[in-house]
N, C-alpha and C. Protein backbone atom coordinates (compact mmCIF):
# COMPACT_ATOMS: atom_id res chain seq x y z
N MET A 1 42.01 -30.11 -8.72
CA MET A 1 41.36 -29.18 -7.75
C MET A 1 40.57 -28.10 -8.54
N ALA A 2 41.26 -27.54 -9.55
CA ALA A 2 40.63 -26.49 -10.40
C ALA A 2 39.36 -27.06 -11.05
N THR A 3 39.50 -28.31 -11.47
CA THR A 3 38.33 -28.93 -12.15
C THR A 3 37.19 -29.06 -11.22
N GLU A 4 37.43 -29.41 -9.91
CA GLU A 4 36.40 -29.54 -8.93
C GLU A 4 35.68 -28.17 -8.73
N HIS A 5 36.49 -27.11 -8.58
CA HIS A 5 35.96 -25.74 -8.40
C HIS A 5 35.06 -25.38 -9.55
N ALA A 6 35.49 -25.65 -10.76
CA ALA A 6 34.76 -25.36 -12.02
C ALA A 6 33.50 -26.09 -12.01
N HIS A 7 33.53 -27.43 -11.56
CA HIS A 7 32.35 -28.23 -11.66
C HIS A 7 31.33 -27.75 -10.55
N ALA A 8 31.82 -27.31 -9.39
CA ALA A 8 30.99 -26.77 -8.33
C ALA A 8 30.29 -25.42 -8.84
N ALA A 9 31.12 -24.56 -9.48
CA ALA A 9 30.55 -23.31 -9.94
C ALA A 9 29.46 -23.57 -11.03
N GLY A 10 29.71 -24.53 -11.88
CA GLY A 10 28.74 -24.82 -12.94
C GLY A 10 27.48 -25.40 -12.31
N HIS A 11 27.69 -26.20 -11.24
CA HIS A 11 26.43 -26.77 -10.67
C HIS A 11 25.63 -25.69 -9.95
N ALA A 12 26.34 -24.79 -9.30
CA ALA A 12 25.60 -23.62 -8.57
C ALA A 12 24.89 -22.78 -9.65
N ALA A 13 25.53 -22.49 -10.79
CA ALA A 13 24.85 -21.70 -11.80
C ALA A 13 23.68 -22.43 -12.35
N HIS A 14 23.87 -23.74 -12.57
CA HIS A 14 22.66 -24.56 -13.01
C HIS A 14 21.55 -24.48 -12.11
N HIS A 15 21.88 -24.64 -10.79
CA HIS A 15 20.82 -24.64 -9.77
C HIS A 15 20.12 -23.27 -9.72
N ASP A 16 20.93 -22.21 -9.88
CA ASP A 16 20.34 -20.83 -9.81
C ASP A 16 19.36 -20.60 -11.01
N GLU A 17 19.61 -21.20 -12.15
CA GLU A 17 18.70 -21.01 -13.24
C GLU A 17 17.32 -21.55 -12.96
N HIS A 18 17.19 -22.48 -12.03
CA HIS A 18 15.86 -23.05 -11.84
C HIS A 18 15.20 -22.41 -10.60
N VAL A 19 15.81 -21.37 -10.04
CA VAL A 19 15.19 -20.64 -8.89
C VAL A 19 14.29 -19.57 -9.46
N ASP A 20 13.08 -19.46 -9.05
CA ASP A 20 12.14 -18.49 -9.45
C ASP A 20 12.25 -17.27 -8.61
N HIS A 21 13.23 -16.39 -8.92
CA HIS A 21 13.50 -15.25 -8.07
C HIS A 21 12.32 -14.33 -7.95
N GLN A 22 11.66 -14.03 -9.10
CA GLN A 22 10.54 -13.16 -9.09
C GLN A 22 9.37 -13.78 -8.29
N GLY A 23 9.17 -15.07 -8.46
CA GLY A 23 8.11 -15.78 -7.66
C GLY A 23 8.43 -15.63 -6.17
N ASN A 24 9.64 -15.89 -5.79
CA ASN A 24 10.05 -15.73 -4.38
C ASN A 24 9.86 -14.29 -3.84
N ALA A 25 10.18 -13.35 -4.71
CA ALA A 25 10.06 -11.95 -4.31
C ALA A 25 8.51 -11.59 -4.12
N ASN A 26 7.76 -12.11 -5.02
CA ASN A 26 6.34 -11.94 -4.76
C ASN A 26 5.76 -12.50 -3.57
N PHE A 27 6.22 -13.74 -3.32
CA PHE A 27 5.85 -14.41 -2.08
C PHE A 27 6.24 -13.69 -0.76
N ALA A 28 7.49 -13.15 -0.82
CA ALA A 28 8.04 -12.51 0.33
C ALA A 28 7.19 -11.17 0.53
N VAL A 29 6.89 -10.47 -0.51
CA VAL A 29 6.17 -9.21 -0.38
C VAL A 29 4.80 -9.50 0.19
N TRP A 30 4.11 -10.57 -0.36
CA TRP A 30 2.79 -10.83 0.16
C TRP A 30 2.76 -11.38 1.59
N CYS A 31 3.83 -12.02 2.02
CA CYS A 31 3.93 -12.54 3.44
C CYS A 31 4.06 -11.16 4.30
N GLY A 32 4.80 -10.23 3.83
CA GLY A 32 4.94 -8.96 4.64
C GLY A 32 3.67 -8.20 4.62
N LEU A 33 2.98 -8.17 3.55
CA LEU A 33 1.65 -7.48 3.49
C LEU A 33 0.57 -8.15 4.33
N ALA A 34 0.60 -9.50 4.36
CA ALA A 34 -0.32 -10.24 5.25
C ALA A 34 -0.03 -9.91 6.71
N ALA A 35 1.25 -9.85 7.07
CA ALA A 35 1.60 -9.53 8.51
C ALA A 35 1.06 -8.11 8.81
N LEU A 36 1.29 -7.19 7.81
CA LEU A 36 0.82 -5.81 8.00
C LEU A 36 -0.65 -5.72 8.12
N THR A 37 -1.41 -6.65 7.41
CA THR A 37 -2.83 -6.61 7.46
C THR A 37 -3.35 -6.99 8.86
N PHE A 38 -2.67 -8.03 9.54
CA PHE A 38 -3.10 -8.37 10.81
C PHE A 38 -2.87 -7.18 11.81
N THR A 39 -1.70 -6.60 11.67
CA THR A 39 -1.35 -5.46 12.54
C THR A 39 -2.35 -4.25 12.45
N THR A 40 -2.59 -3.90 11.13
CA THR A 40 -3.48 -2.81 10.89
C THR A 40 -4.97 -3.21 11.32
N GLY A 41 -5.32 -4.39 11.09
CA GLY A 41 -6.64 -4.87 11.45
C GLY A 41 -6.94 -4.73 12.90
N THR A 42 -5.89 -4.92 13.77
CA THR A 42 -6.05 -4.82 15.22
C THR A 42 -6.45 -3.37 15.60
N PHE A 43 -5.75 -2.35 14.99
CA PHE A 43 -6.13 -0.98 15.23
C PHE A 43 -7.42 -0.56 14.65
N VAL A 44 -7.72 -1.11 13.52
CA VAL A 44 -9.08 -0.71 12.90
C VAL A 44 -10.20 -1.30 13.73
N ALA A 45 -10.07 -2.51 14.14
CA ALA A 45 -11.09 -3.19 15.09
C ALA A 45 -11.20 -2.37 16.34
N SER A 46 -10.16 -1.86 16.92
CA SER A 46 -10.18 -1.13 18.10
C SER A 46 -10.96 0.21 17.86
N ASN A 47 -10.64 0.82 16.70
CA ASN A 47 -11.31 2.03 16.27
C ASN A 47 -12.89 1.83 16.22
N VAL A 48 -13.27 0.81 15.50
CA VAL A 48 -14.67 0.53 15.32
C VAL A 48 -15.37 0.23 16.71
N TYR A 49 -14.67 -0.51 17.52
CA TYR A 49 -15.29 -0.93 18.86
C TYR A 49 -15.40 0.35 19.77
N LEU A 50 -14.28 1.02 19.89
CA LEU A 50 -14.30 2.18 20.84
C LEU A 50 -15.24 3.39 20.41
N ARG A 51 -15.32 3.51 19.12
CA ARG A 51 -16.32 4.47 18.68
C ARG A 51 -17.77 4.19 19.13
N ALA A 52 -18.13 2.88 19.08
CA ALA A 52 -19.43 2.44 19.48
C ALA A 52 -19.51 2.45 21.06
N TRP A 53 -18.44 2.20 21.73
CA TRP A 53 -18.40 2.09 23.17
C TRP A 53 -18.58 3.53 23.83
N SER A 54 -17.98 4.55 23.25
CA SER A 54 -18.14 5.88 23.78
C SER A 54 -18.07 6.91 22.69
N PRO A 55 -19.17 7.13 21.92
CA PRO A 55 -19.15 8.03 20.80
C PRO A 55 -18.73 9.44 21.18
N ALA A 56 -19.14 9.92 22.36
CA ALA A 56 -18.81 11.30 22.74
C ALA A 56 -17.35 11.53 22.80
N LYS A 57 -16.56 10.49 23.16
CA LYS A 57 -15.12 10.65 23.29
C LYS A 57 -14.40 10.32 22.06
N PHE A 58 -14.81 9.41 21.22
CA PHE A 58 -14.06 8.84 20.17
C PHE A 58 -14.53 9.27 18.80
N VAL A 59 -15.62 9.84 18.60
CA VAL A 59 -16.13 10.25 17.35
C VAL A 59 -15.54 11.70 17.00
N LEU A 60 -15.11 11.89 15.79
CA LEU A 60 -14.50 13.15 15.40
C LEU A 60 -15.66 14.17 15.19
N ASP A 61 -15.39 15.44 15.68
CA ASP A 61 -16.27 16.55 15.42
C ASP A 61 -15.77 17.48 14.36
N ASP A 62 -14.51 17.40 14.06
CA ASP A 62 -13.90 18.34 13.11
C ASP A 62 -14.20 17.88 11.67
N THR A 63 -14.84 18.82 10.93
CA THR A 63 -15.30 18.51 9.60
C THR A 63 -14.08 18.30 8.63
N LEU A 64 -12.96 19.03 8.83
CA LEU A 64 -11.88 18.85 7.97
C LEU A 64 -11.24 17.51 8.12
N LEU A 65 -11.13 17.00 9.32
CA LEU A 65 -10.50 15.68 9.60
C LEU A 65 -11.47 14.60 9.10
N LYS A 66 -12.73 14.83 9.02
CA LYS A 66 -13.67 13.88 8.54
C LYS A 66 -13.54 13.75 6.93
N ASN A 67 -13.21 14.87 6.29
CA ASN A 67 -13.22 14.92 4.88
C ASN A 67 -11.80 14.52 4.30
N LEU A 68 -10.75 14.95 4.99
CA LEU A 68 -9.47 14.62 4.41
C LEU A 68 -9.21 13.09 4.02
N PRO A 69 -9.65 12.15 4.87
CA PRO A 69 -9.47 10.78 4.46
C PRO A 69 -10.03 10.43 3.12
N TYR A 70 -11.13 11.08 2.74
CA TYR A 70 -11.80 10.86 1.46
C TYR A 70 -10.88 11.43 0.30
N VAL A 71 -10.20 12.59 0.62
CA VAL A 71 -9.26 13.21 -0.33
C VAL A 71 -8.10 12.23 -0.57
N ALA A 72 -7.56 11.72 0.49
CA ALA A 72 -6.41 10.82 0.44
C ALA A 72 -6.74 9.60 -0.43
N VAL A 73 -7.93 8.99 -0.12
CA VAL A 73 -8.29 7.77 -0.85
C VAL A 73 -8.55 8.08 -2.33
N LEU A 74 -9.14 9.23 -2.59
CA LEU A 74 -9.47 9.59 -3.96
C LEU A 74 -8.17 9.69 -4.82
N PHE A 75 -7.13 10.45 -4.23
CA PHE A 75 -5.83 10.51 -4.99
C PHE A 75 -5.13 9.19 -4.97
N SER A 76 -5.32 8.35 -3.97
CA SER A 76 -4.74 6.98 -3.97
C SER A 76 -5.32 6.18 -5.13
N ILE A 77 -6.64 6.26 -5.35
CA ILE A 77 -7.25 5.56 -6.45
C ILE A 77 -6.72 6.14 -7.78
N ILE A 78 -6.65 7.40 -7.90
CA ILE A 78 -6.13 8.06 -9.12
C ILE A 78 -4.75 7.58 -9.45
N SER A 79 -3.89 7.50 -8.46
CA SER A 79 -2.51 7.12 -8.65
C SER A 79 -2.49 5.63 -9.04
N THR A 80 -3.28 4.84 -8.47
CA THR A 80 -3.33 3.49 -8.81
C THR A 80 -3.79 3.21 -10.26
N VAL A 81 -4.80 3.87 -10.69
CA VAL A 81 -5.20 3.87 -12.13
C VAL A 81 -4.06 4.24 -12.97
N LEU A 82 -3.39 5.36 -12.62
CA LEU A 82 -2.18 5.72 -13.44
C LEU A 82 -1.11 4.62 -13.46
N LEU A 83 -0.95 3.96 -12.35
CA LEU A 83 0.10 2.95 -12.31
C LEU A 83 -0.39 1.69 -13.19
N LEU A 84 -1.68 1.40 -13.18
CA LEU A 84 -2.19 0.40 -14.06
C LEU A 84 -2.04 0.73 -15.53
N ILE A 85 -2.19 1.99 -15.86
CA ILE A 85 -1.98 2.48 -17.17
C ILE A 85 -0.45 2.27 -17.56
N ALA A 86 0.42 2.76 -16.62
CA ALA A 86 1.83 2.51 -16.74
C ALA A 86 2.22 1.09 -17.00
N ALA A 87 1.44 0.21 -16.28
CA ALA A 87 1.69 -1.29 -16.49
C ALA A 87 1.36 -1.75 -17.87
N SER A 88 0.30 -1.16 -18.50
CA SER A 88 0.00 -1.50 -19.86
C SER A 88 1.12 -1.05 -20.84
N PHE A 89 1.67 0.13 -20.55
CA PHE A 89 2.84 0.52 -21.39
C PHE A 89 4.08 -0.37 -21.13
N PHE A 90 4.17 -0.76 -19.88
CA PHE A 90 5.29 -1.62 -19.49
C PHE A 90 5.26 -2.95 -20.22
N VAL A 91 4.10 -3.47 -20.40
CA VAL A 91 3.89 -4.79 -21.07
C VAL A 91 4.20 -4.62 -22.57
N ARG A 92 3.94 -3.47 -23.16
CA ARG A 92 4.15 -3.23 -24.58
C ARG A 92 5.57 -2.56 -24.82
N ASP A 93 6.36 -2.43 -23.85
CA ASP A 93 7.73 -1.85 -23.95
C ASP A 93 7.68 -0.43 -24.53
N LYS A 94 6.66 0.35 -24.15
CA LYS A 94 6.52 1.72 -24.62
C LYS A 94 7.12 2.64 -23.43
N TRP A 95 8.41 2.71 -23.41
CA TRP A 95 9.09 3.27 -22.24
C TRP A 95 8.92 4.80 -22.01
N ARG A 96 8.77 5.47 -23.11
CA ARG A 96 8.51 6.93 -22.96
C ARG A 96 7.16 7.21 -22.34
N ALA A 97 6.20 6.56 -22.82
CA ALA A 97 4.81 6.61 -22.31
C ALA A 97 4.79 6.12 -20.79
N PHE A 98 5.63 5.03 -20.54
CA PHE A 98 5.59 4.43 -19.28
C PHE A 98 6.22 5.47 -18.27
N ASN A 99 7.32 6.15 -18.67
CA ASN A 99 7.93 7.00 -17.69
C ASN A 99 7.05 8.27 -17.47
N GLY A 100 6.30 8.73 -18.49
CA GLY A 100 5.47 9.92 -18.34
C GLY A 100 4.27 9.58 -17.42
N THR A 101 3.67 8.40 -17.61
CA THR A 101 2.60 7.95 -16.67
C THR A 101 3.09 7.81 -15.29
N LEU A 102 4.30 7.21 -15.11
CA LEU A 102 4.84 6.98 -13.86
C LEU A 102 5.11 8.36 -13.09
N ALA A 103 5.48 9.37 -13.89
CA ALA A 103 5.78 10.68 -13.24
C ALA A 103 4.46 11.24 -12.76
N LEU A 104 3.37 11.11 -13.55
CA LEU A 104 2.07 11.57 -13.09
C LEU A 104 1.60 10.86 -11.84
N ALA A 105 1.86 9.52 -11.82
CA ALA A 105 1.57 8.77 -10.62
C ALA A 105 2.24 9.19 -9.41
N ALA A 106 3.53 9.59 -9.59
CA ALA A 106 4.39 10.08 -8.51
C ALA A 106 3.73 11.39 -7.96
N LEU A 107 3.29 12.29 -8.82
CA LEU A 107 2.68 13.55 -8.44
C LEU A 107 1.46 13.24 -7.51
N THR A 108 0.59 12.36 -8.00
CA THR A 108 -0.64 12.05 -7.20
C THR A 108 -0.27 11.39 -5.94
N TYR A 109 0.75 10.50 -5.94
CA TYR A 109 1.26 9.84 -4.67
C TYR A 109 1.77 10.90 -3.71
N ALA A 110 2.42 11.96 -4.26
CA ALA A 110 2.93 12.99 -3.40
C ALA A 110 1.73 13.73 -2.60
N VAL A 111 0.57 13.90 -3.35
CA VAL A 111 -0.58 14.47 -2.69
C VAL A 111 -1.12 13.56 -1.60
N VAL A 112 -1.07 12.29 -1.87
CA VAL A 112 -1.56 11.31 -0.93
C VAL A 112 -0.64 11.39 0.37
N LEU A 113 0.63 11.37 0.13
CA LEU A 113 1.56 11.42 1.28
C LEU A 113 1.41 12.68 2.09
N LEU A 114 1.25 13.87 1.40
CA LEU A 114 1.12 15.14 2.17
C LEU A 114 -0.18 15.11 2.97
N THR A 115 -1.24 14.61 2.35
CA THR A 115 -2.53 14.54 3.10
C THR A 115 -2.46 13.55 4.24
N GLN A 116 -1.85 12.41 4.11
CA GLN A 116 -1.86 11.46 5.14
C GLN A 116 -0.88 11.91 6.29
N PHE A 117 0.19 12.65 5.85
CA PHE A 117 1.06 13.17 6.91
C PHE A 117 0.26 14.21 7.78
N ARG A 118 -0.52 15.09 7.15
CA ARG A 118 -1.25 16.14 7.93
C ARG A 118 -2.24 15.39 8.82
N LEU A 119 -2.95 14.34 8.28
CA LEU A 119 -3.86 13.50 9.07
C LEU A 119 -3.25 12.92 10.26
N MET A 120 -2.09 12.33 10.05
CA MET A 120 -1.39 11.68 11.17
C MET A 120 -0.99 12.65 12.23
N ILE A 121 -0.57 13.86 11.87
CA ILE A 121 -0.21 14.88 12.86
C ILE A 121 -1.42 15.44 13.57
N TRP A 122 -2.52 15.70 12.83
CA TRP A 122 -3.75 16.24 13.44
C TRP A 122 -4.42 15.31 14.30
N PHE A 123 -4.42 14.01 13.92
CA PHE A 123 -5.09 12.98 14.77
C PHE A 123 -4.27 12.82 16.05
N ALA A 124 -2.93 12.87 15.97
CA ALA A 124 -2.16 12.73 17.17
C ALA A 124 -2.37 13.88 18.16
N GLY A 125 -2.68 15.04 17.67
CA GLY A 125 -2.85 16.23 18.49
C GLY A 125 -4.25 16.64 18.80
N TYR A 126 -5.16 15.83 18.26
CA TYR A 126 -6.65 16.26 18.50
C TYR A 126 -7.10 15.99 19.90
N SER A 127 -6.98 14.80 20.40
CA SER A 127 -7.24 14.44 21.79
C SER A 127 -6.65 13.09 21.99
N LYS A 128 -6.49 12.74 23.23
CA LYS A 128 -5.87 11.44 23.61
C LYS A 128 -6.72 10.34 23.01
N GLN A 129 -8.03 10.47 23.07
CA GLN A 129 -8.94 9.39 22.59
C GLN A 129 -8.87 9.19 21.10
N VAL A 130 -8.84 10.37 20.39
CA VAL A 130 -8.76 10.30 18.90
C VAL A 130 -7.42 9.72 18.49
N ALA A 131 -6.40 10.20 19.20
CA ALA A 131 -5.07 9.76 18.88
C ALA A 131 -4.89 8.27 19.15
N THR A 132 -5.69 7.72 20.07
CA THR A 132 -5.59 6.22 20.30
C THR A 132 -6.16 5.43 19.16
N ILE A 133 -7.25 5.88 18.54
CA ILE A 133 -7.90 5.07 17.51
C ILE A 133 -7.64 5.47 16.07
N TYR A 134 -7.23 6.71 15.82
CA TYR A 134 -7.03 7.11 14.49
C TYR A 134 -5.57 7.35 14.08
N ALA A 135 -4.77 7.73 15.00
CA ALA A 135 -3.34 7.96 14.70
C ALA A 135 -2.58 6.75 14.24
N PRO A 136 -2.79 5.60 14.92
CA PRO A 136 -2.01 4.44 14.52
C PRO A 136 -2.23 3.97 13.06
N THR A 137 -3.50 3.88 12.60
CA THR A 137 -3.78 3.52 11.26
C THR A 137 -3.25 4.59 10.27
N ALA A 138 -3.38 5.86 10.69
CA ALA A 138 -2.94 6.97 9.84
C ALA A 138 -1.39 6.83 9.67
N ALA A 139 -0.69 6.44 10.69
CA ALA A 139 0.76 6.32 10.69
C ALA A 139 1.17 5.19 9.79
N ILE A 140 0.39 4.02 9.93
CA ILE A 140 0.72 2.83 9.06
C ILE A 140 0.50 3.17 7.64
N GLN A 141 -0.64 3.84 7.32
CA GLN A 141 -0.92 4.18 5.85
C GLN A 141 0.09 5.14 5.35
N PHE A 142 0.51 6.13 6.13
CA PHE A 142 1.49 7.04 5.76
C PHE A 142 2.83 6.27 5.37
N LEU A 143 3.27 5.43 6.27
CA LEU A 143 4.52 4.72 6.07
C LEU A 143 4.41 3.74 4.85
N LEU A 144 3.30 3.12 4.68
CA LEU A 144 3.05 2.27 3.56
C LEU A 144 3.15 3.07 2.26
N ASN A 145 2.61 4.22 2.25
CA ASN A 145 2.64 5.02 1.02
C ASN A 145 4.03 5.67 0.77
N VAL A 146 4.86 5.84 1.86
CA VAL A 146 6.22 6.24 1.77
C VAL A 146 7.00 5.11 0.94
N VAL A 147 6.75 3.96 1.38
CA VAL A 147 7.39 2.82 0.64
C VAL A 147 6.85 2.81 -0.82
N GLY A 148 5.59 3.03 -1.07
CA GLY A 148 5.05 3.10 -2.41
C GLY A 148 5.78 4.15 -3.29
N MET A 149 6.00 5.34 -2.64
CA MET A 149 6.61 6.45 -3.35
C MET A 149 8.07 6.02 -3.67
N VAL A 150 8.76 5.43 -2.69
CA VAL A 150 10.18 5.02 -3.02
C VAL A 150 10.15 4.01 -4.10
N LEU A 151 9.22 3.09 -4.14
CA LEU A 151 9.14 2.07 -5.21
C LEU A 151 8.89 2.71 -6.57
N ILE A 152 8.13 3.80 -6.66
CA ILE A 152 7.89 4.57 -7.88
C ILE A 152 9.19 5.15 -8.35
N ALA A 153 9.92 5.74 -7.39
CA ALA A 153 11.22 6.33 -7.75
C ALA A 153 12.20 5.33 -8.24
N VAL A 154 12.21 4.13 -7.67
CA VAL A 154 13.15 3.06 -8.14
C VAL A 154 12.77 2.59 -9.46
N ALA A 155 11.43 2.41 -9.67
CA ALA A 155 11.01 1.96 -10.99
C ALA A 155 11.36 2.98 -12.07
N GLY A 156 11.22 4.29 -11.80
CA GLY A 156 11.67 5.27 -12.84
C GLY A 156 13.10 5.19 -13.01
N TRP A 157 13.89 4.94 -11.97
CA TRP A 157 15.42 4.90 -12.10
C TRP A 157 15.74 3.72 -12.93
N TYR A 158 15.13 2.51 -12.65
CA TYR A 158 15.44 1.28 -13.38
C TYR A 158 14.95 1.43 -14.86
N SER A 159 13.91 2.13 -15.17
CA SER A 159 13.43 2.22 -16.55
C SER A 159 14.41 3.10 -17.44
N SER A 160 15.25 3.86 -16.74
CA SER A 160 16.23 4.67 -17.54
C SER A 160 17.40 3.89 -18.01
N PHE A 161 17.55 2.62 -17.49
CA PHE A 161 18.68 1.74 -17.92
C PHE A 161 18.45 1.32 -19.38
N PRO A 162 19.50 1.24 -20.08
CA PRO A 162 19.37 0.60 -21.47
C PRO A 162 18.94 -0.81 -21.42
N ASN A 163 19.51 -1.59 -20.39
CA ASN A 163 19.13 -2.96 -20.18
C ASN A 163 17.91 -2.94 -19.28
N LYS A 164 16.79 -3.44 -19.80
CA LYS A 164 15.49 -3.47 -19.01
C LYS A 164 15.28 -4.65 -18.09
N ALA A 165 16.36 -5.41 -17.77
CA ALA A 165 16.23 -6.55 -16.98
C ALA A 165 15.78 -6.24 -15.64
N HIS A 166 16.31 -5.12 -15.03
CA HIS A 166 15.95 -4.73 -13.64
C HIS A 166 14.48 -4.29 -13.50
N ILE A 167 14.05 -3.50 -14.42
CA ILE A 167 12.63 -2.99 -14.36
C ILE A 167 11.63 -4.10 -14.63
N ASN A 168 12.08 -5.03 -15.48
CA ASN A 168 11.16 -6.22 -15.85
C ASN A 168 10.95 -7.06 -14.66
N LYS A 169 12.00 -7.21 -13.70
CA LYS A 169 11.85 -8.03 -12.49
C LYS A 169 11.19 -7.14 -11.40
N PHE A 170 11.44 -5.89 -11.34
CA PHE A 170 11.05 -5.08 -10.25
C PHE A 170 9.63 -4.65 -10.30
N PHE A 171 9.16 -4.15 -11.47
CA PHE A 171 7.85 -3.47 -11.60
C PHE A 171 6.68 -4.40 -11.15
N PRO A 172 6.66 -5.67 -11.59
CA PRO A 172 5.51 -6.49 -11.21
C PRO A 172 5.44 -6.77 -9.78
N VAL A 173 6.59 -6.84 -9.06
CA VAL A 173 6.56 -7.05 -7.57
C VAL A 173 6.09 -5.75 -6.95
N ALA A 174 6.63 -4.60 -7.39
CA ALA A 174 6.16 -3.38 -6.77
C ALA A 174 4.76 -3.11 -6.94
N MET A 175 4.14 -3.56 -8.04
CA MET A 175 2.66 -3.43 -8.24
C MET A 175 1.85 -4.00 -7.08
N ASN A 176 2.34 -5.04 -6.53
CA ASN A 176 1.57 -5.74 -5.42
C ASN A 176 1.46 -4.70 -4.28
N VAL A 177 2.43 -3.89 -3.93
CA VAL A 177 2.39 -2.97 -2.95
C VAL A 177 1.48 -1.80 -3.23
N TRP A 178 1.58 -1.35 -4.48
CA TRP A 178 0.65 -0.23 -4.87
C TRP A 178 -0.80 -0.59 -4.81
N LEU A 179 -1.14 -1.75 -5.32
CA LEU A 179 -2.51 -2.22 -5.28
C LEU A 179 -3.05 -2.50 -3.85
N TYR A 180 -2.15 -3.06 -3.03
CA TYR A 180 -2.44 -3.25 -1.64
C TYR A 180 -2.74 -1.98 -0.95
N SER A 181 -1.94 -0.97 -1.15
CA SER A 181 -2.10 0.32 -0.50
C SER A 181 -3.50 0.94 -0.92
N ALA A 182 -3.84 0.85 -2.14
CA ALA A 182 -5.13 1.43 -2.54
C ALA A 182 -6.30 0.68 -2.00
N VAL A 183 -6.30 -0.63 -2.03
CA VAL A 183 -7.40 -1.42 -1.44
C VAL A 183 -7.50 -1.28 0.00
N SER A 184 -6.40 -1.38 0.71
CA SER A 184 -6.39 -1.16 2.19
C SER A 184 -6.92 0.14 2.57
N GLY A 185 -6.45 1.18 1.87
CA GLY A 185 -6.96 2.52 2.18
C GLY A 185 -8.47 2.66 2.06
N ILE A 186 -9.05 2.04 0.97
CA ILE A 186 -10.47 2.13 0.81
C ILE A 186 -11.21 1.38 1.99
N LEU A 187 -10.65 0.19 2.33
CA LEU A 187 -11.28 -0.55 3.38
C LEU A 187 -11.17 0.19 4.81
N ILE A 188 -10.03 0.76 5.06
CA ILE A 188 -9.92 1.52 6.27
C ILE A 188 -10.81 2.69 6.30
N LEU A 189 -10.94 3.41 5.17
CA LEU A 189 -11.90 4.57 5.10
C LEU A 189 -13.34 4.08 5.45
N ILE A 190 -13.73 2.99 4.78
CA ILE A 190 -15.08 2.56 5.06
C ILE A 190 -15.33 2.15 6.49
N LEU A 191 -14.40 1.42 7.08
CA LEU A 191 -14.53 0.96 8.48
C LEU A 191 -14.43 2.02 9.52
N GLU A 192 -13.57 2.97 9.24
CA GLU A 192 -13.26 3.98 10.28
C GLU A 192 -14.12 5.36 10.04
N ASN A 193 -14.53 5.59 8.86
CA ASN A 193 -15.19 6.87 8.63
C ASN A 193 -16.60 6.73 8.05
N VAL A 194 -16.93 5.61 7.51
CA VAL A 194 -18.23 5.57 6.83
C VAL A 194 -19.35 4.81 7.65
N ILE A 195 -18.98 3.62 8.17
CA ILE A 195 -19.99 2.87 8.88
C ILE A 195 -19.78 2.86 10.35
N THR A 196 -20.78 2.55 11.14
CA THR A 196 -20.69 2.49 12.62
C THR A 196 -20.53 1.04 13.04
N TRP A 197 -20.26 0.85 14.29
CA TRP A 197 -20.06 -0.46 14.80
C TRP A 197 -21.30 -1.29 14.62
N GLY A 198 -22.54 -0.72 14.84
CA GLY A 198 -23.81 -1.43 14.71
C GLY A 198 -23.99 -1.89 13.29
N GLN A 199 -23.65 -1.01 12.32
CA GLN A 199 -23.81 -1.36 10.89
C GLN A 199 -22.81 -2.46 10.51
N PHE A 200 -21.61 -2.36 11.06
CA PHE A 200 -20.56 -3.34 10.79
C PHE A 200 -21.00 -4.69 11.29
N ALA A 201 -21.54 -4.72 12.54
CA ALA A 201 -21.89 -6.00 13.23
C ALA A 201 -23.10 -6.59 12.49
N ALA A 202 -24.07 -5.71 12.04
CA ALA A 202 -25.25 -6.19 11.30
C ALA A 202 -24.80 -6.78 9.95
N TRP A 203 -23.90 -6.20 9.31
CA TRP A 203 -23.39 -6.66 8.06
C TRP A 203 -22.70 -8.04 8.16
N CYS A 204 -21.92 -8.19 9.25
CA CYS A 204 -21.23 -9.43 9.54
C CYS A 204 -22.33 -10.56 9.81
N GLY A 205 -23.35 -10.09 10.61
CA GLY A 205 -24.40 -11.10 10.94
C GLY A 205 -25.09 -11.54 9.74
N ILE A 206 -25.41 -10.69 8.76
CA ILE A 206 -26.08 -11.05 7.53
C ILE A 206 -25.20 -12.05 6.77
N LYS A 207 -23.94 -11.74 6.68
CA LYS A 207 -23.08 -12.56 5.87
C LYS A 207 -22.91 -13.96 6.47
N LEU A 208 -22.84 -14.00 7.78
CA LEU A 208 -22.63 -15.28 8.47
C LEU A 208 -23.95 -16.18 8.43
N THR A 209 -25.13 -15.55 8.38
CA THR A 209 -26.28 -16.37 8.36
C THR A 209 -26.80 -16.64 6.95
N SER A 210 -26.24 -15.95 5.96
CA SER A 210 -26.73 -16.16 4.60
C SER A 210 -26.01 -17.46 3.94
């Protein structure tokens, strides 16, 4: 009986060696991000359409609210660049430089979070129409960056361990979320704050006919 249990345990351990845990984690993260993209895309499309349908009701007149999204995206790009620099230190096992760069990225991420939180609150209280088209995507971006901030904290915690096995598995997976946050923030800024419905439709028409 003991022999059978030992054989079963050995078989399970052998099977576990052939499981790509990091690959599965990457796949799970990107499945979640794909689902989030469809959800966010629904609100962004509504924003673009409703602004064209009734500009007087749905277009922002407040200069501060028009400019703050650019500030949030700027600091998001800066934090992503810092995280990519941290990744270069991560690859070379330069942990002191990695932790220092990660700390700077955390500071810039904090600025992004504060800016997005204020945007979310101000959009929600601006008017019913503006709250309908701007507040949902602001809330999604805020929550996504909260997750990003938590991931930075966990990465810093794991990097303090003498055994680097946890950070070696964790950091590449977390990088997916940070890169997605930056890219999605840029796209949302362009679609919601930079171009109009007519410009967007014209661009789509050019791409479809070319």
